Amino acid sequence: MRRSKLEMYIDTLKVLAHNGPLMQTKIMSKGNFNCNMLNEYLSFLIKHELIEERTNQKSKAVFAITQNGTNILKYFRELEQVPPIIE
């Protein structure tokens, strides 16, 4: 089943929250993303300050979740616990 953009953003945040700062290729493999779409998601998340791009010891770009990103994940986990309101 195809994931929505929102699900892709949340999945990206989850990957970074569980694994720490990662290079783009590691995010792709752990989150099951394709390269082109992941670039779009990373740009969006950086723009909204939910993740940040850093440089590791080997001068490679890695991405890490910010405190804002962690807060967003917390809110989504709480929402997942709410039972559906369908009668």
C-alpha atoms as a PDB file:
ATOM      1  CA  MET A   1       0.000   0.000   0.000  1.00  0.00           C
ATOM      2  CA  ARG A   2       1.279   3.436  -0.904  1.00  0.00           C
ATOM      3  CA  ARG A   3       2.175   5.818   1.935  1.00  0.00           C
ATOM      4  CA  SER A   4       0.911   9.397   2.017  1.00  0.00           C
ATOM      5  CA  LYS A   5       3.327  12.311   2.230  1.00  0.00           C
ATOM      6  CA  LEU A   6       2.455  12.749   5.889  1.00  0.00           C
ATOM      7  CA  GLU A   7       3.252   9.102   6.566  1.00  0.00           C
ATOM      8  CA  MET A   8       6.559   9.475   4.720  1.00  0.00           C
ATOM      9  CA  TYR A   9       7.500  12.531   6.799  1.00  0.00           C
ATOM     10  CA  ILE A  10       6.633  10.697  10.019  1.00  0.00           C
ATOM     11  CA  ASP A  11       8.484   7.567   8.898  1.00  0.00           C
ATOM     12  CA  THR A  12      11.579   9.667   8.170  1.00  0.00           C
ATOM     13  CA  LEU A  13      11.405  11.208  11.635  1.00  0.00           C
ATOM     14  CA  LYS A  14      10.956   7.754  13.187  1.00  0.00           C
ATOM     15  CA  VAL A  15      14.016   6.384  11.393  1.00  0.00           C
ATOM     16  CA  LEU A  16      16.150   9.263  12.647  1.00  0.00           C
ATOM     17  CA  ALA A  17      14.715   9.118  16.168  1.00  0.00           C
ATOM     18  CA  HIS A  18      15.456   5.392  16.486  1.00  0.00           C
ATOM     19  CA  ASN A  19      18.859   5.325  14.789  1.00  0.00           C
ATOM     20  CA  GLY A  20      20.443   8.703  15.480  1.00  0.00           C
ATOM     21  CA  PRO A  21      22.099  10.838  12.781  1.00  0.00           C
ATOM     22  CA  LEU A  22      22.273   8.944   9.483  1.00  0.00           C
ATOM     23  CA  MET A  23      23.546   9.446   5.968  1.00  0.00           C
ATOM     24  CA  GLN A  24      20.927   9.654   3.243  1.00  0.00           C
ATOM     25  CA  THR A  25      21.610   6.117   1.982  1.00  0.00           C
ATOM     26  CA  LYS A  26      20.995   4.656   5.446  1.00  0.00           C
ATOM     27  CA  ILE A  27      17.719   6.575   5.758  1.00  0.00           C
ATOM     28  CA  MET A  28      16.695   5.201   2.353  1.00  0.00           C
ATOM     29  CA  SER A  29      17.337   1.606   3.329  1.00  0.00           C
ATOM     30  CA  LYS A  30      15.886   1.756   6.841  1.00  0.00           C
ATOM     31  CA  GLY A  31      12.778   3.677   5.760  1.00  0.00           C
ATOM     32  CA  ASN A  32      12.242   1.954   2.410  1.00  0.00           C
ATOM     33  CA  PHE A  33      12.363   5.218   0.414  1.00  0.00           C
ATOM     34  CA  ASN A  34      13.516   5.936  -3.109  1.00  0.00           C
ATOM     35  CA  CYS A  35      16.219   8.565  -3.612  1.00  0.00           C
ATOM     36  CA  ASN A  36      14.201  11.224  -5.443  1.00  0.00           C
ATOM     37  CA  MET A  37      11.322  11.199  -3.014  1.00  0.00           C
ATOM     38  CA  LEU A  38      13.608  11.143   0.012  1.00  0.00           C
ATOM     39  CA  ASN A  39      15.363  14.303  -1.204  1.00  0.00           C
ATOM     40  CA  GLU A  40      11.992  16.043  -1.323  1.00  0.00           C
ATOM     41  CA  TYR A  41      11.067  14.844   2.183  1.00  0.00           C
ATOM     42  CA  LEU A  42      14.428  15.804   3.664  1.00  0.00           C
ATOM     43  CA  SER A  43      14.189  19.300   2.148  1.00  0.00           C
ATOM     44  CA  PHE A  44      10.708  19.770   3.573  1.00  0.00           C
ATOM     45  CA  LEU A  45      11.729  18.551   7.030  1.00  0.00           C
ATOM     46  CA  ILE A  46      14.835  20.762   7.067  1.00  0.00           C
ATOM     47  CA  LYS A  47      12.816  23.783   5.925  1.00  0.00           C
ATOM     48  CA  HIS A  48      10.382  23.235   8.806  1.00  0.00           C
ATOM     49  CA  GLU A  49      13.240  22.657  11.292  1.00  0.00           C
ATOM     50  CA  LEU A  50      12.180  19.091  12.103  1.00  0.00           C
ATOM     51  CA  ILE A  51      15.564  17.698  11.065  1.00  0.00           C
ATOM     52  CA  GLU A  52      18.973  19.242  10.497  1.00  0.00           C
ATOM     53  CA  GLU A  53      21.892  18.442   8.269  1.00  0.00           C
ATOM     54  CA  ARG A  54      25.206  17.930  10.053  1.00  0.00           C
ATOM     55  CA  THR A  55      28.702  16.803   9.152  1.00  0.00           C
ATOM     56  CA  ASN A  56      30.108  13.671  10.766  1.00  0.00           C
ATOM     57  CA  GLN A  57      33.757  12.965  11.626  1.00  0.00           C
ATOM     58  CA  LYS A  58      34.467  11.838   8.068  1.00  0.00           C
ATOM     59  CA  SER A  59      33.092  15.127   6.657  1.00  0.00           C
ATOM     60  CA  LYS A  60      30.005  13.345   5.304  1.00  0.00           C
ATOM     61  CA  ALA A  61      26.517  14.817   5.457  1.00  0.00           C
ATOM     62  CA  VAL A  62      24.228  13.195   7.997  1.00  0.00           C
ATOM     63  CA  PHE A  63      20.699  14.077   9.025  1.00  0.00           C
ATOM     64  CA  ALA A  64      19.484  14.270  12.613  1.00  0.00           C
ATOM     65  CA  ILE A  65      16.098  14.880  14.187  1.00  0.00           C
ATOM     66  CA  THR A  66      15.686  18.180  16.067  1.00  0.00           C
ATOM     67  CA  GLN A  67      13.770  18.800  19.280  1.00  0.00           C
ATOM     68  CA  ASN A  68      10.857  20.089  17.169  1.00  0.00           C
ATOM     69  CA  GLY A  69      10.904  16.833  15.205  1.00  0.00           C
ATOM     70  CA  THR A  70      10.899  14.821  18.424  1.00  0.00           C
ATOM     71  CA  ASN A  71       7.915  16.824  19.676  1.00  0.00           C
ATOM     72  CA  ILE A  72       6.004  16.188  16.443  1.00  0.00           C
ATOM     73  CA  LEU A  73       6.660  12.432  16.762  1.00  0.00           C
ATOM     74  CA  LYS A  74       5.393  12.519  20.332  1.00  0.00           C
ATOM     75  CA  TYR A  75       2.136  14.170  19.226  1.00  0.00           C
ATOM     76  CA  PHE A  76       1.620  11.635  16.430  1.00  0.00           C
ATOM     77  CA  ARG A  77       2.193   8.733  18.821  1.00  0.00           C
ATOM     78  CA  GLU A  78      -0.453  10.209  21.121  1.00  0.00           C
ATOM     79  CA  LEU A  79      -2.853  10.571  18.183  1.00  0.00           C
ATOM     80  CA  GLU A  80      -2.305   6.929  17.235  1.00  0.00           C
ATOM     81  CA  GLN A  81      -3.535   5.940  20.707  1.00  0.00           C
ATOM     82  CA  VAL A  82      -6.884   7.739  20.271  1.00  0.00           C
ATOM     83  CA  PRO A  83      -9.637   5.330  19.197  1.00  0.00           C
ATOM     84  CA  PRO A  84     -11.485   6.186  15.972  1.00  0.00           C
ATOM     85  CA  ILE A  85     -14.633   8.275  16.363  1.00  0.00           C
ATOM     86  CA  ILE A  86     -16.632   6.529  13.648  1.00  0.00           C
ATOM     87  CA  GLU A  87     -20.154   5.509  14.640  1.00  0.00           C
END
